[in-house]
Amino acid sequence: MSYSHPLFSIIDAIVTNQTKAFTSHDIITILIKNHSDTWDNFVNQYTGNRRVQEQKAIQQIGCYLSRNANCLNLTKGEKIKPSSIIHKPQQTTKYTPNSN
């Protein structure tokens, strides 16, 4: 998949502003809350019912963060199972911003 969708620029900006450890699902929560139109546009590009579309979108964002951790100046940490996330992930990766 190409990472040319405008959502990825927003993700880059959100990640750059993080000062403490976070998960990909923290980023998704920010996207849903603060950039709902862009989030909906991104989700709607996938086929299937809304739940399937969201699962595919969430997976792609996780892949993007994982593949671009070095470019985004992040350190990948352990995999965790968050309990209070609105989209009920099975597991996610914890990222820590590197100090500049």
Protein backbone atom coordinates (compact mmCIF):
# COMPACT_ATOMS: atom_id res chain seq x y z
CA MET A 1 0.00 0.00 0.00
CA SER A 2 1.14 3.51 -0.77
CA TYR A 3 1.31 5.90 2.16
CA SER A 4 0.18 8.90 0.09
CA HIS A 5 -3.17 9.48 1.85
CA PRO A 6 -3.30 12.82 3.73
CA LEU A 7 -3.92 10.90 6.95
CA PHE A 8 -0.28 9.80 7.07
CA SER A 9 0.92 13.43 7.16
CA ILE A 10 -1.40 14.00 10.09
CA ILE A 11 -0.01 10.89 11.80
CA ASP A 12 3.54 12.19 11.29
CA ALA A 13 2.57 15.49 12.96
CA ILE A 14 0.84 13.75 15.87
CA VAL A 15 3.79 11.41 16.44
CA THR A 16 6.26 14.31 16.32
CA ASN A 17 4.37 16.02 19.15
CA GLN A 18 4.39 12.99 21.47
CA THR A 19 6.58 13.41 24.55
CA LYS A 20 5.94 10.08 26.28
CA ALA A 21 5.42 6.46 25.31
CA PHE A 22 2.30 5.76 23.24
CA THR A 23 0.69 3.01 21.21
CA SER A 24 -0.61 3.04 17.68
CA HIS A 25 -4.09 2.95 19.17
CA ASP A 26 -3.42 6.17 21.08
CA ILE A 27 -2.70 7.77 17.70
CA ILE A 28 -5.88 6.29 16.23
CA THR A 29 -7.91 7.66 19.14
CA ILE A 30 -6.50 11.14 18.45
CA LEU A 31 -7.33 10.77 14.75
CA ILE A 32 -10.92 9.74 15.47
CA LYS A 33 -11.37 12.58 17.98
CA ASN A 34 -9.58 15.45 16.23
CA HIS A 35 -9.53 14.52 12.53
CA SER A 36 -12.79 12.65 12.05
CA ASP A 37 -13.38 13.74 8.44
CA THR A 38 -9.93 12.57 7.33
CA TRP A 39 -10.31 9.38 9.38
CA ASP A 40 -13.69 8.62 7.77
CA ASN A 41 -12.28 9.28 4.31
CA PHE A 42 -9.38 6.91 5.02
CA VAL A 43 -11.63 4.17 6.42
CA ASN A 44 -14.09 4.42 3.53
CA GLN A 45 -11.42 3.55 0.97
CA TYR A 46 -11.57 -0.08 2.16
CA THR A 47 -14.29 -2.54 1.18
CA GLY A 48 -16.61 -4.36 3.56
CA ASN A 49 -18.90 -3.29 6.35
CA ARG A 50 -17.81 -0.47 8.65
CA ARG A 51 -16.20 -2.79 11.20
CA VAL A 52 -14.11 -4.52 8.53
CA GLN A 53 -13.16 -1.16 7.02
CA GLU A 54 -12.00 0.12 10.42
CA GLN A 55 -10.01 -3.05 11.11
CA LYS A 56 -8.18 -2.69 7.79
CA ALA A 57 -7.50 1.01 8.44
CA ILE A 58 -6.20 0.33 11.95
CA GLN A 59 -3.96 -2.43 10.64
CA GLN A 60 -2.50 -0.12 7.98
CA ILE A 61 -1.73 2.58 10.53
CA GLY A 62 0.02 0.04 12.74
CA CYS A 63 2.05 -1.15 9.74
CA TYR A 64 2.92 2.44 8.84
CA LEU A 65 4.23 3.21 12.33
CA SER A 66 6.17 -0.03 12.49
CA ARG A 67 7.77 0.37 9.06
CA ASN A 68 8.60 4.03 9.63
CA ALA A 69 9.69 3.96 13.28
CA ASN A 70 13.25 5.01 12.43
CA CYS A 71 12.13 7.83 10.12
CA LEU A 72 9.71 9.02 12.80
CA ASN A 73 12.49 8.86 15.42
CA LEU A 74 10.71 6.20 17.49
CA THR A 75 11.86 3.20 19.46
CA LYS A 76 9.57 0.17 19.28
CA GLY A 77 8.84 -1.42 22.64
CA GLU A 78 6.92 -4.44 23.80
CA LYS A 79 3.61 -5.64 22.44
CA ILE A 80 0.78 -4.99 24.86
CA LYS A 81 -2.93 -5.77 25.12
CA PRO A 82 -4.67 -2.49 25.92
CA SER A 83 -7.91 -2.80 27.85
CA SER A 84 -9.61 0.58 27.51
CA ILE A 85 -9.41 1.32 23.79
CA ILE A 86 -12.58 2.14 21.88
CA HIS A 87 -11.82 -0.12 18.92
CA LYS A 88 -10.87 -3.21 20.98
CA PRO A 89 -7.50 -4.24 19.57
CA GLN A 90 -6.06 -7.66 20.26
CA GLN A 91 -2.58 -6.22 20.72
CA THR A 92 -0.58 -3.14 19.90
CA THR A 93 3.02 -1.97 20.05
CA LYS A 94 4.29 0.62 22.50
CA TYR A 95 6.47 3.36 20.93
CA THR A 96 8.78 5.76 22.72
CA PRO A 97 9.90 9.03 21.10
CA ASN A 98 13.69 9.29 20.94
CA SER A 99 15.18 12.41 22.44
CA ASN A 100 16.61 14.75 19.81
